PDB file of N, CA and C in Angstrom:
ATOM      1  N   UNK A   1      22.290  17.213  -2.648  1.00  0.00           N
ATOM      2  CA  UNK A   1      21.060  16.218  -2.347  1.00  0.00           C
ATOM      3  C   UNK A   1      20.159  16.708  -3.191  1.00  0.00           C
ATOM      4  N   UNK A   2      20.008  18.728  -3.414  1.00  0.00           N
ATOM      5  CA  UNK A   2      18.822  19.296  -3.753  1.00  0.00           C
ATOM      6  C   UNK A   2      18.714  19.000  -5.420  1.00  0.00           C
ATOM      7  N   UNK A   3      19.933  18.840  -5.899  1.00  0.00           N
ATOM      8  CA  UNK A   3      19.619  18.056  -7.324  1.00  0.00           C
ATOM      9  C   UNK A   3      19.233  16.722  -7.871  1.00  0.00           C
ATOM     10  N   UNK A   4      19.661  15.899  -6.291  1.00  0.00           N
ATOM     11  CA  UNK A   4      18.823  14.476  -6.761  1.00  0.00           C
ATOM     12  C   UNK A   4      17.259  14.817  -6.464  1.00  0.00           C
ATOM     13  N   UNK A   5      17.057  15.475  -5.639  1.00  0.00           N
ATOM     14  CA  UNK A   5      15.624  16.180  -5.216  1.00  0.00           C
ATOM     15  C   UNK A   5      14.755  16.153  -6.186  1.00  0.00           C
ATOM     16  N   UNK A   6      15.549  17.122  -6.920  1.00  0.00           N
ATOM     17  CA  UNK A   6      14.620  18.063  -8.334  1.00  0.00           C
ATOM     18  C   UNK A   6      14.333  16.532  -9.027  1.00  0.00           C
ATOM     19  N   UNK A   7      15.855  15.770  -9.512  1.00  0.00           N
ATOM     20  CA  UNK A   7      15.754  15.046 -10.872  1.00  0.00           C
ATOM     21  C   UNK A   7      15.032  13.670 -10.429  1.00  0.00           C
ATOM     22  N   UNK A   8      14.962  13.002  -8.975  1.00  0.00           N
ATOM     23  CA  UNK A   8      14.219  11.940  -8.786  1.00  0.00           C
ATOM     24  C   UNK A   8      13.228  12.185  -7.322  1.00  0.00           C
ATOM     25  N   UNK A   9      12.220  13.107  -7.320  1.00  0.00           N
ATOM     26  CA  UNK A   9      11.238  13.277  -6.602  1.00  0.00           C
ATOM     27  C   UNK A   9      10.625  12.277  -6.002  1.00  0.00           C
ATOM     28  N   UNK A  10      10.454  12.063  -4.880  1.00  0.00           N
ATOM     29  CA  UNK A  10      10.092  11.110  -4.112  1.00  0.00           C
ATOM     30  C   UNK A  10       8.485  11.529  -3.769  1.00  0.00           C
ATOM     31  N   UNK A  11       7.698  10.485  -3.503  1.00  0.00           N
ATOM     32  CA  UNK A  11       6.507  10.200  -3.190  1.00  0.00           C
ATOM     33  C   UNK A  11       6.070   9.139  -2.425  1.00  0.00           C
ATOM     34  N   UNK A  12       5.786   9.382  -0.946  1.00  0.00           N
ATOM     35  CA  UNK A  12       5.619   8.195   0.246  1.00  0.00           C
ATOM     36  C   UNK A  12       3.884   7.986   0.326  1.00  0.00           C
ATOM     37  N   UNK A  13       3.740   6.577  -0.144  1.00  0.00           N
ATOM     38  CA  UNK A  13       2.101   6.116   0.032  1.00  0.00           C
ATOM     39  C   UNK A  13       1.920   5.374   0.679  1.00  0.00           C
ATOM     40  N   UNK A  14       1.040   6.038   1.960  1.00  0.00           N
ATOM     41  CA  UNK A  14       1.110   5.476   3.419  1.00  0.00           C
ATOM     42  C   UNK A  14      -0.448   4.648   2.635  1.00  0.00           C
ATOM     43  N   UNK A  15      -0.154   3.296   3.188  1.00  0.00           N
ATOM     44  CA  UNK A  15      -0.781   2.267   2.858  1.00  0.00           C
ATOM     45  C   UNK A  15      -1.378   1.583   4.113  1.00  0.00           C
ATOM     46  N   UNK A  16      -0.869   1.764   5.059  1.00  0.00           N
ATOM     47  CA  UNK A  16      -1.480   1.031   6.392  1.00  0.00           C
ATOM     48  C   UNK A  16      -0.911   1.487   7.641  1.00  0.00           C
ATOM     49  N   UNK A  17      -1.308   1.186   8.522  1.00  0.00           N
ATOM     50  CA  UNK A  17      -1.299   1.761   9.806  1.00  0.00           C
ATOM     51  C   UNK A  17      -0.959   0.999  11.004  1.00  0.00           C
ATOM     52  N   UNK A  18       0.147   0.532  11.395  1.00  0.00           N
ATOM     53  CA  UNK A  18       0.067  -0.260  12.600  1.00  0.00           C
ATOM     54  C   UNK A  18       0.291  -0.168  14.248  1.00  0.00           C
ATOM     55  N   UNK A  19       0.671   1.258  14.203  1.00  0.00           N
ATOM     56  CA  UNK A  19       0.875   1.555  15.680  1.00  0.00           C
ATOM     57  C   UNK A  19       0.374   3.018  15.389  1.00  0.00           C
ATOM     58  N   UNK A  20      -0.906   3.604  16.609  1.00  0.00           N
ATOM     59  CA  UNK A  20      -1.193   4.730  16.654  1.00  0.00           C
ATOM     60  C   UNK A  20      -1.259   5.180  18.088  1.00  0.00           C
ATOM     61  N   UNK A  21      -0.672   6.295  18.326  1.00  0.00           N
ATOM     62  CA  UNK A  21      -0.209   7.288  19.907  1.00  0.00           C
ATOM     63  C   UNK A  21       0.304   5.806  20.837  1.00  0.00           C
ATOM     64  N   UNK A  22       1.222   5.285  20.424  1.00  0.00           N
ATOM     65  CA  UNK A  22       1.743   4.117  21.395  1.00  0.00           C
ATOM     66  C   UNK A  22       0.953   3.102  21.272  1.00  0.00           C
ATOM     67  N   UNK A  23       0.090   2.734  20.788  1.00  0.00           N
ATOM     68  CA  UNK A  23      -0.985   1.809  20.756  1.00  0.00           C
ATOM     69  C   UNK A  23      -0.765   0.938  19.573  1.00  0.00           C
ATOM     70  N   UNK A  24      -0.504  -0.525  20.027  1.00  0.00           N
ATOM     71  CA  UNK A  24      -0.507  -1.665  18.674  1.00  0.00           C
ATOM     72  C   UNK A  24      -1.796  -1.721  18.148  1.00  0.00           C
ATOM     73  N   UNK A  25      -2.296  -1.596  17.025  1.00  0.00           N
ATOM     74  CA  UNK A  25      -3.313  -2.048  16.511  1.00  0.00           C
ATOM     75  C   UNK A  25      -3.315  -2.787  15.274  1.00  0.00           C
ATOM     76  N   UNK A  26      -2.174  -3.622  15.276  1.00  0.00           N
ATOM     77  CA  UNK A  26      -2.022  -4.806  14.301  1.00  0.00           C
ATOM     78  C   UNK A  26      -2.984  -5.501  14.301  1.00  0.00           C
ATOM     79  N   UNK A  27      -3.805  -6.099  15.435  1.00  0.00           N
ATOM     80  CA  UNK A  27      -4.906  -7.217  15.134  1.00  0.00           C
ATOM     81  C   UNK A  27      -6.021  -6.433  14.576  1.00  0.00           C
ATOM     82  N   UNK A  28      -6.150  -5.147  14.741  1.00  0.00           N
ATOM     83  CA  UNK A  28      -7.122  -4.786  14.001  1.00  0.00           C
ATOM     84  C   UNK A  28      -7.373  -5.451  12.281  1.00  0.00           C
ATOM     85  N   UNK A  29      -8.543  -5.301  11.909  1.00  0.00           N
ATOM     86  CA  UNK A  29      -8.746  -5.156  10.574  1.00  0.00           C
ATOM     87  C   UNK A  29      -8.302  -4.522   9.870  1.00  0.00           C
ATOM     88  N   UNK A  30      -7.799  -4.985   8.245  1.00  0.00           N
ATOM     89  CA  UNK A  30      -6.932  -4.056   7.556  1.00  0.00           C
ATOM     90  C   UNK A  30      -8.053  -2.870   7.490  1.00  0.00           C
ATOM     91  N   UNK A  31      -9.197  -3.041   7.327  1.00  0.00           N
ATOM     92  CA  UNK A  31     -10.304  -1.813   6.936  1.00  0.00           C
ATOM     93  C   UNK A  31     -10.412  -1.084   7.807  1.00  0.00           C
ATOM     94  N   UNK A  32     -10.295  -1.546   9.088  1.00  0.00           N
ATOM     95  CA  UNK A  32     -10.433  -0.509  10.336  1.00  0.00           C
ATOM     96  C   UNK A  32      -9.034   0.327  10.181  1.00  0.00           C
ATOM     97  N   UNK A  33      -7.492  -0.336   9.987  1.00  0.00           N
ATOM     98  CA  UNK A  33      -6.359   0.181  10.144  1.00  0.00           C
ATOM     99  C   UNK A  33      -6.500   1.172   8.756  1.00  0.00           C
ATOM    100  N   UNK A  34      -6.803   0.840   7.743  1.00  0.00           N
ATOM    101  CA  UNK A  34      -6.787   1.807   6.562  1.00  0.00           C
ATOM    102  C   UNK A  34      -7.792   2.844   6.543  1.00  0.00           C
ATOM    103  N   UNK A  35      -9.071   2.769   7.130  1.00  0.00           N
ATOM    104  CA  UNK A  35      -9.958   3.972   7.810  1.00  0.00           C
ATOM    105  C   UNK A  35      -9.160   4.751   8.494  1.00  0.00           C
ATOM    106  N   UNK A  36      -8.501   4.469   9.676  1.00  0.00           N
ATOM    107  CA  UNK A  36      -8.305   5.188  10.659  1.00  0.00           C
ATOM    108  C   UNK A  36      -6.807   6.076  10.209  1.00  0.00           C
ATOM    109  N   UNK A  37      -6.202   5.547   9.337  1.00  0.00           N
ATOM    110  CA  UNK A  37      -4.823   6.198   8.313  1.00  0.00           C
ATOM    111  C   UNK A  37      -5.400   6.888   7.223  1.00  0.00           C
ATOM    112  N   UNK A  38      -6.740   7.078   6.916  1.00  0.00           N
ATOM    113  CA  UNK A  38      -7.393   7.833   5.562  1.00  0.00           C
ATOM    114  C   UNK A  38      -7.653   8.918   6.498  1.00  0.00           C
ATOM    115  N   UNK A  39      -8.198   8.636   7.819  1.00  0.00           N
ATOM    116  CA  UNK A  39      -8.689   9.866   8.599  1.00  0.00           C
ATOM    117  C   UNK A  39      -7.508  10.571   9.132  1.00  0.00           C
ATOM    118  N   UNK A  40      -6.302  10.360   9.176  1.00  0.00           N
ATOM    119  CA  UNK A  40      -5.243  11.006   9.657  1.00  0.00           C
ATOM    120  C   UNK A  40      -4.365  11.652   9.059  1.00  0.00           C
ATOM    121  N   UNK A  41      -3.940  11.332   7.594  1.00  0.00           N
ATOM    122  CA  UNK A  41      -3.271  12.168   6.844  1.00  0.00           C
ATOM    123  C   UNK A  41      -4.131  13.146   6.049  1.00  0.00           C
ATOM    124  N   UNK A  42      -3.363  13.970   5.265  1.00  0.00           N
ATOM    125  CA  UNK A  42      -3.794  15.203   4.299  1.00  0.00           C
ATOM    126  C   UNK A  42      -2.460  14.959   3.425  1.00  0.00           C
ATOM    127  N   UNK A  43      -3.455  14.391   2.204  1.00  0.00           N
ATOM    128  CA  UNK A  43      -2.348  14.379   1.176  1.00  0.00           C
ATOM    129  C   UNK A  43      -1.849  15.238   0.879  1.00  0.00           C
ATOM    130  N   UNK A  44      -0.831  15.401   0.037  1.00  0.00           N
ATOM    131  CA  UNK A  44      -0.174  16.106  -0.606  1.00  0.00           C
ATOM    132  C   UNK A  44       0.606  15.738  -1.997  1.00  0.00           C
ATOM    133  N   UNK A  45       1.502  16.713  -2.449  1.00  0.00           N
ATOM    134  CA  UNK A  45       1.858  16.850  -3.773  1.00  0.00           C
ATOM    135  C   UNK A  45       3.431  15.335  -3.543  1.00  0.00           C
ATOM    136  N   UNK A  46       3.219  15.038  -2.400  1.00  0.00           N
ATOM    137  CA  UNK A  46       4.413  13.716  -1.502  1.00  0.00           C
ATOM    138  C   UNK A  46       3.953  13.081  -0.910  1.00  0.00           C
ATOM    139  N   UNK A  47       2.768  13.091  -0.697  1.00  0.00           N
ATOM    140  CA  UNK A  47       1.985  12.335   0.613  1.00  0.00           C
ATOM    141  C   UNK A  47       0.630  11.720  -0.239  1.00  0.00           C
ATOM    142  N   UNK A  48       0.633  10.565  -0.306  1.00  0.00           N
ATOM    143  CA  UNK A  48      -0.475  10.028  -0.936  1.00  0.00           C
ATOM    144  C   UNK A  48      -1.044   8.563   0.289  1.00  0.00           C
ATOM    145  N   UNK A  49      -2.327   8.637   0.137  1.00  0.00           N
ATOM    146  CA  UNK A  49      -3.300   7.661   0.640  1.00  0.00           C
ATOM    147  C   UNK A  49      -3.232   6.430  -0.442  1.00  0.00           C
ATOM    148  N   UNK A  50      -2.776   5.444  -0.220  1.00  0.00           N
ATOM    149  CA  UNK A  50      -2.893   3.936  -0.763  1.00  0.00           C
ATOM    150  C   UNK A  50      -4.186   3.233  -0.748  1.00  0.00           C
ATOM    151  N   UNK A  51      -5.146   3.511  -1.281  1.00  0.00           N
ATOM    152  CA  UNK A  51      -6.240   3.294  -1.250  1.00  0.00           C
ATOM    153  C   UNK A  51      -6.593   1.702  -1.312  1.00  0.00           C
ATOM    154  N   UNK A  52      -7.934   1.201  -1.067  1.00  0.00           N
ATOM    155  CA  UNK A  52      -8.023  -0.588  -1.143  1.00  0.00           C
ATOM    156  C   UNK A  52      -9.581  -0.501  -2.086  1.00  0.00           C
ATOM    157  N   UNK A  53      -8.652  -1.155  -3.065  1.00  0.00           N
ATOM    158  CA  UNK A  53      -9.471  -1.516  -4.440  1.00  0.00           C
ATOM    159  C   UNK A  53     -10.256  -2.446  -4.622  1.00  0.00           C
ATOM    160  N   UNK A  54     -11.337  -2.694  -4.934  1.00  0.00           N
ATOM    161  CA  UNK A  54     -12.063  -3.665  -4.506  1.00  0.00           C
ATOM    162  C   UNK A  54     -12.920  -3.964  -5.929  1.00  0.00           C
ATOM    163  N   UNK A  55     -12.816  -5.576  -6.860  1.00  0.00           N
ATOM    164  CA  UNK A  55     -13.531  -5.624  -8.117  1.00  0.00           C
ATOM    165  C   UNK A  55     -13.023  -5.304  -9.235  1.00  0.00           C
ATOM    166  N   UNK A  56     -11.981  -4.113  -8.894  1.00  0.00           N
ATOM    167  CA  UNK A  56     -11.254  -4.054 -10.383  1.00  0.00           C
ATOM    168  C   UNK A  56      -9.973  -4.287  -9.973  1.00  0.00           C
ATOM    169  N   UNK A  57      -9.445  -5.573  -9.435  1.00  0.00           N
ATOM    170  CA  UNK A  57      -8.024  -6.053  -9.526  1.00  0.00           C
ATOM    171  C   UNK A  57      -7.485  -6.222 -10.276  1.00  0.00           C
ATOM    172  N   UNK A  58      -7.763  -6.936 -11.460  1.00  0.00           N
ATOM    173  CA  UNK A  58      -7.192  -6.975 -12.706  1.00  0.00           C
ATOM    174  C   UNK A  58      -6.983  -5.780 -13.436  1.00  0.00           C
ATOM    175  N   UNK A  59      -7.575  -4.982 -13.126  1.00  0.00           N
ATOM    176  CA  UNK A  59      -7.401  -3.857 -14.275  1.00  0.00           C
ATOM    177  C   UNK A  59      -6.144  -3.012 -13.527  1.00  0.00           C
ATOM    178  N   UNK A  60      -6.707  -2.921 -12.284  1.00  0.00           N
ATOM    179  CA  UNK A  60      -5.332  -1.936 -11.698  1.00  0.00           C
ATOM    180  C   UNK A  60      -3.936  -2.932 -11.833  1.00  0.00           C
ATOM    181  N   UNK A  61      -3.913  -4.119 -11.699  1.00  0.00           N
ATOM    182  CA  UNK A  61      -2.677  -4.746 -11.865  1.00  0.00           C
ATOM    183  C   UNK A  61      -2.120  -4.665 -13.140  1.00  0.00           C
ATOM    184  N   UNK A  62      -2.698  -4.706 -14.112  1.00  0.00           N
ATOM    185  CA  UNK A  62      -2.670  -4.118 -15.716  1.00  0.00           C
ATOM    186  C   UNK A  62      -2.206  -2.817 -15.850  1.00  0.00           C
ATOM    187  N   UNK A  63      -2.724  -1.683 -15.038  1.00  0.00           N
ATOM    188  CA  UNK A  63      -2.461  -0.396 -14.936  1.00  0.00           C
ATOM    189  C   UNK A  63      -0.955  -0.260 -14.506  1.00  0.00           C
ATOM    190  N   UNK A  64      -0.974  -1.242 -13.075  1.00  0.00           N
ATOM    191  CA  UNK A  64       0.318  -0.891 -12.157  1.00  0.00           C
ATOM    192  C   UNK A  64       1.780  -1.325 -13.143  1.00  0.00           C
ATOM    193  N   UNK A  65       1.636  -2.332 -13.880  1.00  0.00           N
ATOM    194  CA  UNK A  65       2.468  -2.867 -15.101  1.00  0.00           C
ATOM    195  C   UNK A  65       2.670  -1.824 -15.923  1.00  0.00           C
ATOM    196  N   UNK A  66       1.614  -1.295 -16.460  1.00  0.00           N
ATOM    197  CA  UNK A  66       2.187  -0.483 -17.544  1.00  0.00           C
ATOM    198  C   UNK A  66       2.888   1.007 -17.034  1.00  0.00           C
ATOM    199  N   UNK A  67       2.474   1.522 -15.846  1.00  0.00           N
ATOM    200  CA  UNK A  67       2.973   2.355 -15.286  1.00  0.00           C
ATOM    201  C   UNK A  67       4.450   1.929 -14.704  1.00  0.00           C
ATOM    202  N   UNK A  68       5.096   0.872 -15.262  1.00  0.00           N
ATOM    203  CA  UNK A  68       6.289   0.463 -14.581  1.00  0.00           C
ATOM    204  C   UNK A  68       6.435  -0.140 -13.333  1.00  0.00           C
ATOM    205  N   UNK A  69       5.219  -0.418 -12.571  1.00  0.00           N
ATOM    206  CA  UNK A  69       5.410  -1.182 -11.319  1.00  0.00           C
ATOM    207  C   UNK A  69       5.788  -2.430 -11.261  1.00  0.00           C
ATOM    208  N   UNK A  70       6.373  -2.859 -10.069  1.00  0.00           N
ATOM    209  CA  UNK A  70       7.156  -4.466 -10.206  1.00  0.00           C
ATOM    210  C   UNK A  70       5.701  -5.286  -9.800  1.00  0.00           C
ATOM    211  N   UNK A  71       4.446  -4.763  -9.737  1.00  0.00           N
ATOM    212  CA  UNK A  71       3.230  -5.687  -9.436  1.00  0.00           C
ATOM    213  C   UNK A  71       2.301  -4.748  -8.470  1.00  0.00           C
ATOM    214  N   UNK A  72       1.907  -5.811  -7.954  1.00  0.00           N
ATOM    215  CA  UNK A  72       0.634  -5.370  -6.532  1.00  0.00           C
ATOM    216  C   UNK A  72       0.443  -6.582  -5.776  1.00  0.00           C
ATOM    217  N   UNK A  73      -0.244  -5.972  -4.456  1.00  0.00           N
ATOM    218  CA  UNK A  73      -0.416  -6.504  -3.431  1.00  0.00           C
ATOM    219  C   UNK A  73      -1.650  -6.722  -3.123  1.00  0.00           C
ATOM    220  N   UNK A  74      -2.696  -7.982  -3.644  1.00  0.00           N
ATOM    221  CA  UNK A  74      -4.047  -8.070  -2.812  1.00  0.00           C
ATOM    222  C   UNK A  74      -4.195  -8.564  -1.388  1.00  0.00           C
ATOM    223  N   UNK A  75      -5.058  -7.628  -0.497  1.00  0.00           N
ATOM    224  CA  UNK A  75      -5.390  -8.029   0.948  1.00  0.00           C
ATOM    225  C   UNK A  75      -6.528  -7.959   0.552  1.00  0.00           C
ATOM    226  N   UNK A  76      -6.716  -9.286   1.915  1.00  0.00           N
ATOM    227  CA  UNK A  76      -8.282  -9.144   2.342  1.00  0.00           C
ATOM    228  C   UNK A  76      -8.438  -7.834   3.058  1.00  0.00           C
ATOM    229  N   UNK A  77      -9.596  -7.618   3.125  1.00  0.00           N
ATOM    230  CA  UNK A  77      -9.853  -6.575   3.648  1.00  0.00           C
ATOM    231  C   UNK A  77     -10.183  -6.635   5.299  1.00  0.00           C
ATOM    232  N   UNK A  78     -10.507  -7.811   5.625  1.00  0.00           N
ATOM    233  CA  UNK A  78     -10.738  -8.299   7.024  1.00  0.00           C
ATOM    234  C   UNK A  78      -9.381  -8.720   7.810  1.00  0.00           C
ATOM    235  N   UNK A  79      -8.487  -8.846   7.186  1.00  0.00           N
ATOM    236  CA  UNK A  79      -7.149  -9.434   7.592  1.00  0.00           C
ATOM    237  C   UNK A  79      -6.420  -8.606   8.812  1.00  0.00           C
ATOM    238  N   UNK A  80      -5.773  -9.598   9.720  1.00  0.00           N
ATOM    239  CA  UNK A  80      -5.066  -8.849  10.722  1.00  0.00           C
ATOM    240  C   UNK A  80      -3.559  -8.763  10.007  1.00  0.00           C
ATOM    241  N   UNK A  81      -2.765  -8.078  10.498  1.00  0.00           N
ATOM    242  CA  UNK A  81      -1.458  -7.877   9.799  1.00  0.00           C
ATOM    243  C   UNK A  81      -0.461  -8.919  10.766  1.00  0.00           C
ATOM    244  N   UNK A  82       0.152  -9.920  10.028  1.00  0.00           N
ATOM    245  CA  UNK A  82       0.419 -11.077  11.004  1.00  0.00           C
ATOM    246  C   UNK A  82       2.161 -10.898  10.647  1.00  0.00           C
ATOM    247  N   UNK A  83       2.939 -10.480  11.728  1.00  0.00           N
ATOM    248  CA  UNK A  83       4.322  -9.957  11.630  1.00  0.00           C
ATOM    249  C   UNK A  83       5.406 -11.287  11.564  1.00  0.00           C
ATOM    250  N   UNK A  84       5.814 -11.607  10.020  1.00  0.00           N
ATOM    251  CA  UNK A  84       6.615 -12.237   9.628  1.00  0.00           C
ATOM    252  C   UNK A  84       6.161 -13.738   9.392  1.00  0.00           C
ATOM    253  N   UNK A  85       4.745 -13.592   9.247  1.00  0.00           N
ATOM    254  CA  UNK A  85       4.176 -14.942   8.538  1.00  0.00           C
ATOM    255  C   UNK A  85       3.362 -14.566   7.008  1.00  0.00           C
ATOM    256  N   UNK A  86       3.870 -15.338   6.276  1.00  0.00           N
ATOM    257  CA  UNK A  86       3.128 -15.636   4.844  1.00  0.00           C
ATOM    258  C   UNK A  86       1.877 -16.449   5.308  1.00  0.00           C
ATOM    259  N   UNK A  87       0.650 -15.346   4.773  1.00  0.00           N
ATOM    260  CA  UNK A  87      -0.657 -15.973   5.049  1.00  0.00           C
ATOM    261  C   UNK A  87      -1.422 -15.933   3.454  1.00  0.00           C
ATOM    262  N   UNK A  88      -2.418 -16.523   3.747  1.00  0.00           N
ATOM    263  CA  UNK A  88      -2.918 -16.454   2.727  1.00  0.00           C
ATOM    264  C   UNK A  88      -4.386 -15.197   2.224  1.00  0.00           C
ATOM    265  N   UNK A  89      -4.148 -14.678   3.469  1.00  0.00           N
ATOM    266  CA  UNK A  89      -4.466 -13.361   3.634  1.00  0.00           C
ATOM    267  C   UNK A  89      -4.118 -12.339   2.434  1.00  0.00           C
ATOM    268  N   UNK A  90      -2.577 -12.065   1.895  1.00  0.00           N
ATOM    269  CA  UNK A  90      -1.777 -11.428   1.070  1.00  0.00           C
ATOM    270  C   UNK A  90      -1.838 -12.318  -0.178  1.00  0.00           C
ATOM    271  N   UNK A  91      -1.986 -11.928  -1.141  1.00  0.00           N
ATOM    272  CA  UNK A  91      -1.568 -12.402  -2.457  1.00  0.00           C
ATOM    273  C   UNK A  91      -0.563 -11.541  -3.078  1.00  0.00           C
ATOM    274  N   UNK A  92       1.109 -11.612  -3.600  1.00  0.00           N
ATOM    275  CA  UNK A  92       1.874 -10.793  -4.241  1.00  0.00           C
ATOM    276  C   UNK A  92       1.599 -11.196  -5.833  1.00  0.00           C
ATOM    277  N   UNK A  93       1.387 -10.474  -6.711  1.00  0.00           N
ATOM    278  CA  UNK A  93       1.199 -10.497  -7.907  1.00  0.00           C
ATOM    279  C   UNK A  93       1.980  -9.633  -8.460  1.00  0.00           C
ATOM    280  N   UNK A  94       3.314 -10.264  -9.146  1.00  0.00           N
ATOM    281  CA  UNK A  94       4.282  -9.461 -10.215  1.00  0.00           C
ATOM    282  C   UNK A  94       4.034 -10.065 -11.380  1.00  0.00           C
ATOM    283  N   UNK A  95       4.491  -8.936 -12.126  1.00  0.00           N
ATOM    284  CA  UNK A  95       4.656  -9.002 -13.958  1.00  0.00           C
ATOM    285  C   UNK A  95       5.846  -9.608 -13.795  1.00  0.00           C
ATOM    286  N   UNK A  96       5.858 -10.284 -15.249  1.00  0.00           N
ATOM    287  CA  UNK A  96       7.197 -10.876 -15.787  1.00  0.00           C
ATOM    288  C   UNK A  96       8.349  -9.642 -16.341  1.00  0.00           C
ATOM    289  N   UNK A  97       9.316 -10.009 -16.197  1.00  0.00           N
ATOM    290  CA  UNK A  97      10.470  -9.318 -16.967  1.00  0.00           C
ATOM    291  C   UNK A  97      11.572 -10.065 -17.814  1.00  0.00           C
ATOM    292  N   UNK A  98      11.852  -9.298 -18.585  1.00  0.00           N
ATOM    293  CA  UNK A  98      12.654 -10.214 -20.021  1.00  0.00           C
ATOM    294  C   UNK A  98      13.939  -9.241 -19.812  1.00  0.00           C
ATOM    295  N   UNK A  99      14.617 -10.296 -19.823  1.00  0.00           N
ATOM    296  CA  UNK A  99      16.365  -9.555 -19.445  1.00  0.00           C
ATOM    297  C   UNK A  99      16.749  -9.810 -20.947  1.00  0.00           C
TER     298      UNK A  99
END
């Protein structure tokens, strides 16, 4: 496990908060949930806060693909979290892959 940890370090990116202190906050707007999350976590080498990027979506998407990520998910900042439902609040943008 130690060898694998060194060879493939893992970083957790916290990007949403659905429950806090036993309370369900799913219906709160995304920007409120993210603000609460930001106030709660202390970033470190293996824990990052997934920020909400506005107005630079295309640039962010292009950079994510250059770095080898599968794509990005665009979320409306006022959206609630809808369990098990595909909604127009969130849009997944994936890059194409060649086999």
